[in-house]
Structures are given as structure tokens and as C-alpha cells.
Amino acid sequence: MYRVIILIAPEPPVAERKKSIIMNSGKVLLGLLAGVAVGATLGILFAPDKGSATRKKITKKGEDYVDALNEKFSDMVGGIKEKFDSVKEETSRMAHNGNARAEDGRTESKNSGK
């Protein structure tokens, strides 16, 4: 005689399900990008060009990717710098306004105390 035991796991909380979905999406995206890279590499390697021409193509593609990455990184750093400068100016302006109000308050209290 055999006994069958069925274990039912409780459903994970919503936060864990969302995290799981995001992680699975990331894995799918990573797999897709890896597939594209492998496909492109194999396409270049099996192309009917000479080895030297194929190496030049690979080098050119690599340089193009590096240039694009550098450009995106520079844009990102520029955007962060602009935000930082904007926050810095706003903070400076607010500090100046606060100092002016404090000075006005001191002057007013001196005048009212006479």
C-alpha cells in the first residue's frame, strides 16, 4: 500500500511575487541580449569574408559600441551635473533668503525694543 502526501506551499506575499516577476523579466532580457550577441558574432565569423576583413569588422563594431557607451555615459554624467548645479543654486538662494529674513527679524526686534 502506497501513501501519497501532497504538500501545498502558501502563496508568497505580493512584494515577493513582484520581485520574482522583475527578476524573471531581467533573466529573459539578459538571455535575449546574449542570444543577439552570439548570433551577431556567429554571423560575422561564418561570413564569406577573409579573416582580416572579419577582424576589421569585429574591431569596428566594438569601437562603435564603445563610442556609443561613452556618449551615453557622458550624457548621464552631464544630466547629473546639471541637476546638482540646479540643486546647489536653489539651496544657495534659499539660504540667502533665510539670512535676509533673519536679518529683517533682528532689525524689527531691535526697533520694537526701543
Protein backbone atom coordinates (compact mmCIF):
# COMPACT_ATOMS: atom_id res chain seq x y z
CA MET A 1 0.00 0.00 0.00
CA TYR A 2 1.34 3.44 -1.00
CA ARG A 3 0.62 6.74 0.67
CA VAL A 4 0.51 9.94 -1.32
CA ILE A 5 1.40 13.11 0.53
CA ILE A 6 0.62 16.40 -1.14
CA LEU A 7 2.32 19.49 0.21
CA ILE A 8 0.79 22.82 -0.64
CA ALA A 9 3.06 25.81 -0.18
CA PRO A 10 1.50 29.08 0.90
CA GLU A 11 1.32 31.78 -1.74
CA PRO A 12 4.21 34.22 -1.43
CA PRO A 13 3.47 37.85 -0.46
CA VAL A 14 2.78 40.38 -3.21
CA ALA A 15 6.20 42.04 -2.83
CA GLU A 16 7.96 38.71 -3.39
CA ARG A 17 5.82 37.95 -6.44
CA LYS A 18 6.64 41.36 -7.95
CA LYS A 19 10.32 40.85 -7.22
CA SER A 20 10.14 37.41 -8.81
CA ILE A 21 8.45 38.82 -11.93
CA ILE A 22 11.09 41.55 -12.22
CA MET A 23 13.91 39.05 -11.76
CA ASN A 24 12.39 36.73 -14.37
CA SER A 25 11.99 39.65 -16.78
CA GLY A 26 15.63 40.56 -16.21
CA LYS A 27 16.70 36.99 -16.92
CA VAL A 28 14.67 36.93 -20.12
CA LEU A 29 16.15 40.25 -21.23
CA LEU A 30 19.67 39.09 -20.39
CA GLY A 31 19.08 35.85 -22.32
CA LEU A 32 17.75 37.80 -25.29
CA LEU A 33 20.75 40.13 -25.33
CA ALA A 34 23.16 37.21 -25.02
CA GLY A 35 21.40 35.48 -27.92
CA VAL A 36 21.66 38.57 -30.09
CA ALA A 37 25.37 38.93 -29.27
CA VAL A 38 26.09 35.27 -30.01
CA GLY A 39 24.07 35.42 -33.22
CA ALA A 40 25.85 38.54 -34.43
CA THR A 41 29.24 37.06 -33.60
CA LEU A 42 28.49 33.79 -35.38
CA GLY A 43 27.10 35.68 -38.36
CA ILE A 44 30.32 37.64 -38.68
CA LEU A 45 32.54 34.62 -38.13
CA PHE A 46 30.76 32.48 -40.71
CA ALA A 47 30.57 35.28 -43.28
CA PRO A 48 32.40 34.54 -46.53
CA ASP A 49 34.96 37.31 -45.95
CA LYS A 50 38.67 36.83 -45.39
CA GLY A 51 39.86 36.59 -41.78
CA SER A 52 41.46 40.03 -41.88
CA ALA A 53 38.25 41.64 -43.14
CA THR A 54 36.24 39.83 -40.46
CA ARG A 55 38.63 41.00 -37.73
CA LYS A 56 38.32 44.57 -39.02
CA LYS A 57 34.52 44.30 -38.89
CA ILE A 58 34.64 42.97 -35.33
CA THR A 59 37.04 45.74 -34.29
CA LYS A 60 34.87 48.40 -35.95
CA LYS A 61 31.71 47.09 -34.25
CA GLY A 62 33.50 47.02 -30.90
CA GLU A 63 34.68 50.61 -31.36
CA ASP A 64 31.16 51.68 -32.33
CA TYR A 65 29.75 50.09 -29.17
CA VAL A 66 32.43 51.73 -27.00
CA ASP A 67 31.75 55.12 -28.60
CA ALA A 68 28.00 54.77 -28.07
CA LEU A 69 28.53 53.71 -24.46
CA ASN A 70 30.89 56.63 -23.83
CA GLU A 71 28.36 59.04 -25.32
CA LYS A 72 25.53 57.69 -23.16
CA PHE A 73 27.74 57.81 -20.08
CA SER A 74 28.74 61.41 -20.84
CA ASP A 75 25.08 62.36 -21.30
CA MET A 76 24.21 60.73 -17.98
CA VAL A 77 27.07 62.48 -16.15
CA GLY A 78 26.09 65.79 -17.77
CA GLY A 79 22.49 65.36 -16.66
CA ILE A 80 23.58 64.57 -13.10
CA LYS A 81 25.89 67.59 -13.09
CA GLU A 82 23.07 69.85 -14.30
CA LYS A 83 20.76 68.54 -11.56
CA PHE A 84 23.47 69.00 -8.95
CA ASP A 85 24.16 72.58 -10.08
CA SER A 86 20.44 73.34 -10.06
CA VAL A 87 20.01 72.00 -6.53
CA LYS A 88 23.14 73.86 -5.42
CA GLU A 89 21.83 77.16 -6.82
CA GLU A 90 18.39 76.62 -5.26
CA THR A 91 19.95 75.82 -1.88
CA SER A 92 22.15 78.91 -2.07
CA ARG A 93 19.16 81.07 -2.98
CA MET A 94 17.10 79.66 -0.13
CA ALA A 95 19.98 80.21 2.34
CA HIS A 96 20.35 83.81 1.17
CA ASN A 97 16.59 84.40 1.56
CA GLY A 98 16.68 82.82 5.02
CA ASN A 99 19.58 85.04 6.07
CA ALA A 100 17.79 88.13 4.76
CA ARG A 101 14.62 87.22 6.69
CA ALA A 102 16.64 86.57 9.85
CA GLU A 103 18.32 89.97 9.50
CA ASP A 104 14.93 91.62 8.95
CA GLY A 105 13.64 89.89 12.08
CA ARG A 106 16.62 91.10 14.14
CA THR A 107 16.20 94.66 12.87
CA GLU A 108 12.48 94.57 13.60
CA SER A 109 13.02 93.22 17.14
CA LYS A 110 15.68 95.90 17.83
CA ASN A 111 13.29 98.61 16.59
CA SER A 112 10.37 97.31 18.62
CA GLY A 113 12.52 97.06 21.75
CA LYS A 114 13.39 100.80 21.77
